[in-house]
Amino acid sequence: MIQHSASRSRRLGLPGVAHGDRLGATLGRRLDDEYHWFRSVAPGGMQAIDAVAVGPGGTWAITNGGERGRFAHRNGHWYRWNRSTESWVPWDASAITAARLTGHRLSLYLERAGLPSPVSALLFGPSGMEVELERGEQPSVIVETDAERLAMLLCAEERLTESQVDRIVALLDPRQPLPRLAQATPGG
């Protein structure tokens, strides 16, 4: 996996920037160079995204966060399992909402650029986080807690061609050369 450096301000180590990227390192060992990893990227001046993975398996907006515990989405509402009362109680799913909105913003950005815009929103939560959905409900956010399973998920099916991947990478990191793109004019 090709890891792209973050913006200049992030490289300078300004306050609030997390040091190290264990998720990126784990995925880097599992995915080949057809995949690209962006950490703390803010395309088009939008709010920074924790990580973006782009490859033949698609575009993934990854948000780090969440909390340990069991959560369920039922009847349009979120609930958390309360072990002391052994019942479901209402829960503010702010981490899931943030991940969903991040994926949606990146999708709109790609759409405006005329690129394949389907983006999979993913919440990379702590171990011990379990999310249940109603039967037949399609998740708006994928919640994963294991980097190894996430690597398998990223490459489960091919959704993008090489040239589409290159164009998305060029949009997210314009400093990168584009060796595989077709030339606009013959001989030029």
C-alpha atoms as a PDB file:
ATOM      1  CA  MET A   1       0.000   0.000   0.000  1.00  0.00           C
ATOM      2  CA  ILE A   2       1.288   3.433  -0.897  1.00  0.00           C
ATOM      3  CA  GLN A   3       1.084   5.832   2.035  1.00  0.00           C
ATOM      4  CA  HIS A   4       0.740   9.485   1.102  1.00  0.00           C
ATOM      5  CA  SER A   5       2.073  12.115   3.453  1.00  0.00           C
ATOM      6  CA  ALA A   6      -0.346  14.427   5.174  1.00  0.00           C
ATOM      7  CA  SER A   7      -0.583  18.137   4.547  1.00  0.00           C
ATOM      8  CA  ARG A   8       2.390  20.366   5.377  1.00  0.00           C
ATOM      9  CA  SER A   9       0.886  21.598   8.664  1.00  0.00           C
ATOM     10  CA  ARG A  10       0.393  17.991   9.773  1.00  0.00           C
ATOM     11  CA  ARG A  11       4.016  17.109   8.968  1.00  0.00           C
ATOM     12  CA  LEU A  12       5.236  19.960  11.147  1.00  0.00           C
ATOM     13  CA  GLY A  13       3.713  18.252  14.180  1.00  0.00           C
ATOM     14  CA  LEU A  14       1.288  20.963  15.193  1.00  0.00           C
ATOM     15  CA  PRO A  15      -0.794  20.381  18.351  1.00  0.00           C
ATOM     16  CA  GLY A  16      -3.720  18.019  18.060  1.00  0.00           C
ATOM     17  CA  VAL A  17      -2.087  15.752  15.490  1.00  0.00           C
ATOM     18  CA  ALA A  18      -1.896  12.101  16.479  1.00  0.00           C
ATOM     19  CA  HIS A  19       1.569  10.595  16.089  1.00  0.00           C
ATOM     20  CA  GLY A  20       1.882   7.190  14.500  1.00  0.00           C
ATOM     21  CA  ASP A  21      -0.568   5.381  12.321  1.00  0.00           C
ATOM     22  CA  ARG A  22      -0.994   1.807  13.511  1.00  0.00           C
ATOM     23  CA  LEU A  23      -4.023   1.189  11.293  1.00  0.00           C
ATOM     24  CA  GLY A  24      -2.163   2.411   8.209  1.00  0.00           C
ATOM     25  CA  ALA A  25       0.859   0.278   9.107  1.00  0.00           C
ATOM     26  CA  THR A  26      -1.282  -2.843   9.561  1.00  0.00           C
ATOM     27  CA  LEU A  27      -3.143  -2.282   6.296  1.00  0.00           C
ATOM     28  CA  GLY A  28       0.173  -1.550   4.574  1.00  0.00           C
ATOM     29  CA  ARG A  29       1.388  -5.048   5.410  1.00  0.00           C
ATOM     30  CA  ARG A  30      -1.803  -6.627   4.015  1.00  0.00           C
ATOM     31  CA  LEU A  31      -2.570  -4.583   0.880  1.00  0.00           C
ATOM     32  CA  ASP A  32      -0.430  -4.266  -2.254  1.00  0.00           C
ATOM     33  CA  ASP A  33       0.613  -1.092  -4.071  1.00  0.00           C
ATOM     34  CA  GLU A  34      -2.689  -0.861  -5.943  1.00  0.00           C
ATOM     35  CA  TYR A  35      -4.034   0.713  -2.720  1.00  0.00           C
ATOM     36  CA  HIS A  36      -3.355   4.225  -1.470  1.00  0.00           C
ATOM     37  CA  TRP A  37      -3.605   5.485   2.130  1.00  0.00           C
ATOM     38  CA  PHE A  38      -4.155   9.104   3.120  1.00  0.00           C
ATOM     39  CA  ARG A  39      -4.049  10.066   6.787  1.00  0.00           C
ATOM     40  CA  SER A  40      -5.564  13.359   7.970  1.00  0.00           C
ATOM     41  CA  VAL A  41      -6.503  14.554   4.510  1.00  0.00           C
ATOM     42  CA  ALA A  42      -8.713  17.592   3.924  1.00  0.00           C
ATOM     43  CA  PRO A  43      -9.583  17.651   0.203  1.00  0.00           C
ATOM     44  CA  GLY A  44     -10.977  20.870  -1.159  1.00  0.00           C
ATOM     45  CA  GLY A  45     -10.690  22.582   2.220  1.00  0.00           C
ATOM     46  CA  MET A  46     -13.315  20.353   3.864  1.00  0.00           C
ATOM     47  CA  GLN A  47     -12.978  19.183   7.454  1.00  0.00           C
ATOM     48  CA  ALA A  48     -10.049  16.767   7.803  1.00  0.00           C
ATOM     49  CA  ILE A  49     -10.853  13.085   7.352  1.00  0.00           C
ATOM     50  CA  ASP A  50      -9.022  10.707   9.705  1.00  0.00           C
ATOM     51  CA  ALA A  51      -8.038   8.414   6.818  1.00  0.00           C
ATOM     52  CA  VAL A  52      -8.986   7.623   3.238  1.00  0.00           C
ATOM     53  CA  ALA A  53      -8.158   4.357   1.477  1.00  0.00           C
ATOM     54  CA  VAL A  54      -8.421   4.211  -2.323  1.00  0.00           C
ATOM     55  CA  GLY A  55      -7.852   1.146  -4.464  1.00  0.00           C
ATOM     56  CA  PRO A  56      -9.553  -1.346  -6.745  1.00  0.00           C
ATOM     57  CA  GLY A  57     -11.905  -2.132  -3.842  1.00  0.00           C
ATOM     58  CA  GLY A  58     -13.269   1.417  -3.883  1.00  0.00           C
ATOM     59  CA  THR A  59     -12.936   4.616  -1.896  1.00  0.00           C
ATOM     60  CA  TRP A  60     -13.227   4.368   1.888  1.00  0.00           C
ATOM     61  CA  ALA A  61     -13.604   7.304   4.296  1.00  0.00           C
ATOM     62  CA  ILE A  62     -12.368   6.028   7.658  1.00  0.00           C
ATOM     63  CA  THR A  63     -13.223   7.722  10.938  1.00  0.00           C
ATOM     64  CA  ASN A  64     -11.528   6.662  14.159  1.00  0.00           C
ATOM     65  CA  GLY A  65     -13.744   6.724  17.217  1.00  0.00           C
ATOM     66  CA  GLY A  66     -16.612   5.093  18.991  1.00  0.00           C
ATOM     67  CA  GLU A  67     -16.779   3.432  22.364  1.00  0.00           C
ATOM     68  CA  ARG A  68     -16.814  -0.064  23.782  1.00  0.00           C
ATOM     69  CA  GLY A  69     -20.133  -1.775  24.296  1.00  0.00           C
ATOM     70  CA  ARG A  70     -23.128  -3.193  22.451  1.00  0.00           C
ATOM     71  CA  PHE A  71     -25.232  -0.887  20.304  1.00  0.00           C
ATOM     72  CA  ALA A  72     -28.342  -1.468  18.243  1.00  0.00           C
ATOM     73  CA  HIS A  73     -30.277   0.456  15.615  1.00  0.00           C
ATOM     74  CA  ARG A  74     -33.989  -0.269  15.855  1.00  0.00           C
ATOM     75  CA  ASN A  75     -37.035   1.611  14.613  1.00  0.00           C
ATOM     76  CA  GLY A  76     -34.836   4.473  13.416  1.00  0.00           C
ATOM     77  CA  HIS A  77     -33.228   5.010  16.839  1.00  0.00           C
ATOM     78  CA  TRP A  78     -29.928   4.035  18.444  1.00  0.00           C
ATOM     79  CA  TYR A  79     -29.673   2.140  21.710  1.00  0.00           C
ATOM     80  CA  ARG A  80     -26.885   1.018  24.018  1.00  0.00           C
ATOM     81  CA  TRP A  81     -27.007  -2.141  26.116  1.00  0.00           C
ATOM     82  CA  ASN A  82     -26.943  -1.238  29.806  1.00  0.00           C
ATOM     83  CA  ARG A  83     -25.385  -4.177  31.664  1.00  0.00           C
ATOM     84  CA  SER A  84     -26.532  -3.043  35.090  1.00  0.00           C
ATOM     85  CA  THR A  85     -30.240  -2.995  34.133  1.00  0.00           C
ATOM     86  CA  GLU A  86     -29.894  -5.590  31.355  1.00  0.00           C
ATOM     87  CA  SER A  87     -31.903  -3.451  28.968  1.00  0.00           C
ATOM     88  CA  TRP A  88     -31.478  -1.228  25.940  1.00  0.00           C
ATOM     89  CA  VAL A  89     -31.303   2.522  26.659  1.00  0.00           C
ATOM     90  CA  PRO A  90     -31.281   5.419  24.159  1.00  0.00           C
ATOM     91  CA  TRP A  91     -27.820   6.305  22.856  1.00  0.00           C
ATOM     92  CA  ASP A  92     -26.414   9.313  21.013  1.00  0.00           C
ATOM     93  CA  ALA A  93     -24.644   7.745  18.026  1.00  0.00           C
ATOM     94  CA  SER A  94     -22.418  10.779  17.400  1.00  0.00           C
ATOM     95  CA  ALA A  95     -19.415   8.709  16.216  1.00  0.00           C
ATOM     96  CA  ILE A  96     -21.558   6.807  13.705  1.00  0.00           C
ATOM     97  CA  THR A  97     -23.206  10.024  12.513  1.00  0.00           C
ATOM     98  CA  ALA A  98     -19.807  11.709  12.111  1.00  0.00           C
ATOM     99  CA  ALA A  99     -18.489   8.765  10.058  1.00  0.00           C
ATOM    100  CA  ARG A 100     -21.594   8.768   7.845  1.00  0.00           C
ATOM    101  CA  LEU A 101     -21.337  12.520   7.188  1.00  0.00           C
ATOM    102  CA  THR A 102     -17.613  12.267   6.448  1.00  0.00           C
ATOM    103  CA  GLY A 103     -18.279   9.631   3.797  1.00  0.00           C
ATOM    104  CA  HIS A 104     -21.094  11.727   2.341  1.00  0.00           C
ATOM    105  CA  ARG A 105     -18.912  14.882   2.122  1.00  0.00           C
ATOM    106  CA  LEU A 106     -16.135  12.966   0.362  1.00  0.00           C
ATOM    107  CA  SER A 107     -18.677  11.428  -2.026  1.00  0.00           C
ATOM    108  CA  LEU A 108     -20.012  14.884  -2.955  1.00  0.00           C
ATOM    109  CA  TYR A 109     -16.460  16.158  -3.471  1.00  0.00           C
ATOM    110  CA  LEU A 110     -15.652  13.292  -5.862  1.00  0.00           C
ATOM    111  CA  GLU A 111     -18.961  13.766  -7.677  1.00  0.00           C
ATOM    112  CA  ARG A 112     -18.251  17.478  -8.247  1.00  0.00           C
ATOM    113  CA  ALA A 113     -14.878  16.490  -9.737  1.00  0.00           C
ATOM    114  CA  GLY A 114     -16.575  14.083 -12.160  1.00  0.00           C
ATOM    115  CA  LEU A 115     -15.037  10.991 -10.554  1.00  0.00           C
ATOM    116  CA  PRO A 116     -16.679   7.762  -9.384  1.00  0.00           C
ATOM    117  CA  SER A 117     -18.383   9.021  -6.253  1.00  0.00           C
ATOM    118  CA  PRO A 118     -19.503   5.989  -4.253  1.00  0.00           C
ATOM    119  CA  VAL A 119     -17.659   6.224  -0.919  1.00  0.00           C
ATOM    120  CA  SER A 120     -17.942   3.619   1.809  1.00  0.00           C
ATOM    121  CA  ALA A 121     -18.134   5.294   5.212  1.00  0.00           C
ATOM    122  CA  LEU A 122     -16.347   3.291   7.868  1.00  0.00           C
ATOM    123  CA  LEU A 123     -16.047   3.765  11.618  1.00  0.00           C
ATOM    124  CA  PHE A 124     -12.929   2.091  12.989  1.00  0.00           C
ATOM    125  CA  GLY A 125     -13.909   1.577  16.610  1.00  0.00           C
ATOM    126  CA  PRO A 126     -12.178   0.162  19.667  1.00  0.00           C
ATOM    127  CA  SER A 127     -12.140  -3.569  20.313  1.00  0.00           C
ATOM    128  CA  GLY A 128     -15.272  -4.568  22.160  1.00  0.00           C
ATOM    129  CA  MET A 129     -17.594  -2.355  20.113  1.00  0.00           C
ATOM    130  CA  GLU A 130     -20.520  -4.316  18.639  1.00  0.00           C
ATOM    131  CA  VAL A 131     -23.209  -2.812  16.435  1.00  0.00           C
ATOM    132  CA  GLU A 132     -26.445  -4.643  15.595  1.00  0.00           C
ATOM    133  CA  LEU A 133     -28.862  -3.633  12.855  1.00  0.00           C
ATOM    134  CA  GLU A 134     -32.431  -4.689  12.229  1.00  0.00           C
ATOM    135  CA  ARG A 135     -32.796  -7.639   9.894  1.00  0.00           C
ATOM    136  CA  GLY A 136     -32.632  -6.487   6.280  1.00  0.00           C
ATOM    137  CA  GLU A 137     -31.370  -2.998   7.148  1.00  0.00           C
ATOM    138  CA  GLN A 138     -28.502  -1.740   4.975  1.00  0.00           C
ATOM    139  CA  PRO A 139     -25.803  -0.062   7.059  1.00  0.00           C
ATOM    140  CA  SER A 140     -25.052   3.567   6.212  1.00  0.00           C
ATOM    141  CA  VAL A 141     -21.747   3.130   8.062  1.00  0.00           C
ATOM    142  CA  ILE A 142     -19.649   0.007   8.344  1.00  0.00           C
ATOM    143  CA  VAL A 143     -18.288  -0.474  11.855  1.00  0.00           C
ATOM    144  CA  GLU A 144     -15.080  -2.486  12.146  1.00  0.00           C
ATOM    145  CA  THR A 145     -12.780  -3.030  15.113  1.00  0.00           C
ATOM    146  CA  ASP A 146     -10.136  -5.364  13.658  1.00  0.00           C
ATOM    147  CA  ALA A 147      -7.524  -4.084  11.184  1.00  0.00           C
ATOM    148  CA  GLU A 148      -7.030  -7.539   9.648  1.00  0.00           C
ATOM    149  CA  ARG A 149     -10.755  -7.883   8.860  1.00  0.00           C
ATOM    150  CA  LEU A 150     -10.733  -4.319   7.550  1.00  0.00           C
ATOM    151  CA  ALA A 151      -7.950  -5.206   5.088  1.00  0.00           C
ATOM    152  CA  MET A 152     -10.036  -8.106   3.773  1.00  0.00           C
ATOM    153  CA  LEU A 153     -13.073  -5.830   3.498  1.00  0.00           C
ATOM    154  CA  LEU A 154     -11.148  -3.206   1.497  1.00  0.00           C
ATOM    155  CA  CYS A 155     -10.181  -5.725  -1.181  1.00  0.00           C
ATOM    156  CA  ALA A 156     -13.290  -7.958  -1.132  1.00  0.00           C
ATOM    157  CA  GLU A 157     -14.496  -6.859  -4.572  1.00  0.00           C
ATOM    158  CA  GLU A 158     -13.155  -4.685  -7.354  1.00  0.00           C
ATOM    159  CA  ARG A 159     -15.109  -1.485  -7.910  1.00  0.00           C
ATOM    160  CA  LEU A 160     -12.572   0.866  -9.531  1.00  0.00           C
ATOM    161  CA  THR A 161     -10.233   0.595 -12.509  1.00  0.00           C
ATOM    162  CA  GLU A 162      -6.564   1.600 -12.355  1.00  0.00           C
ATOM    163  CA  SER A 163      -7.233   4.900 -14.111  1.00  0.00           C
ATOM    164  CA  GLN A 164     -10.131   5.733 -11.768  1.00  0.00           C
ATOM    165  CA  VAL A 165      -7.894   5.032  -8.761  1.00  0.00           C
ATOM    166  CA  ASP A 166      -5.171   7.247 -10.250  1.00  0.00           C
ATOM    167  CA  ARG A 167      -7.603  10.114 -10.863  1.00  0.00           C
ATOM    168  CA  ILE A 168      -8.978   9.943  -7.305  1.00  0.00           C
ATOM    169  CA  VAL A 169      -5.432   9.814  -5.891  1.00  0.00           C
ATOM    170  CA  ALA A 170      -4.479  12.838  -8.014  1.00  0.00           C
ATOM    171  CA  LEU A 171      -7.452  14.749  -6.628  1.00  0.00           C
ATOM    172  CA  LEU A 172      -6.637  13.851  -3.005  1.00  0.00           C
ATOM    173  CA  ASP A 173      -2.866  14.444  -3.392  1.00  0.00           C
ATOM    174  CA  PRO A 174      -2.129  16.673  -6.387  1.00  0.00           C
ATOM    175  CA  ARG A 175       1.646  16.449  -5.723  1.00  0.00           C
ATOM    176  CA  GLN A 176       1.731  12.848  -6.974  1.00  0.00           C
ATOM    177  CA  PRO A 177       2.799  12.072 -10.570  1.00  0.00           C
ATOM    178  CA  LEU A 178       0.290  10.233 -12.759  1.00  0.00           C
ATOM    179  CA  PRO A 179       2.246   7.775 -14.891  1.00  0.00           C
ATOM    180  CA  ARG A 180      -0.676   5.593 -16.003  1.00  0.00           C
ATOM    181  CA  LEU A 181      -3.126   8.252 -17.237  1.00  0.00           C
ATOM    182  CA  ALA A 182      -3.728   8.462 -20.977  1.00  0.00           C
ATOM    183  CA  GLN A 183      -2.360  11.559 -22.667  1.00  0.00           C
ATOM    184  CA  ALA A 184      -4.864  14.168 -23.790  1.00  0.00           C
ATOM    185  CA  THR A 185      -3.385  14.630 -27.277  1.00  0.00           C
ATOM    186  CA  PRO A 186      -1.583  12.219 -29.571  1.00  0.00           C
ATOM    187  CA  GLY A 187       2.149  12.477 -28.972  1.00  0.00           C
ATOM    188  CA  GLY A 188       1.647  15.193 -26.362  1.00  0.00           C
END
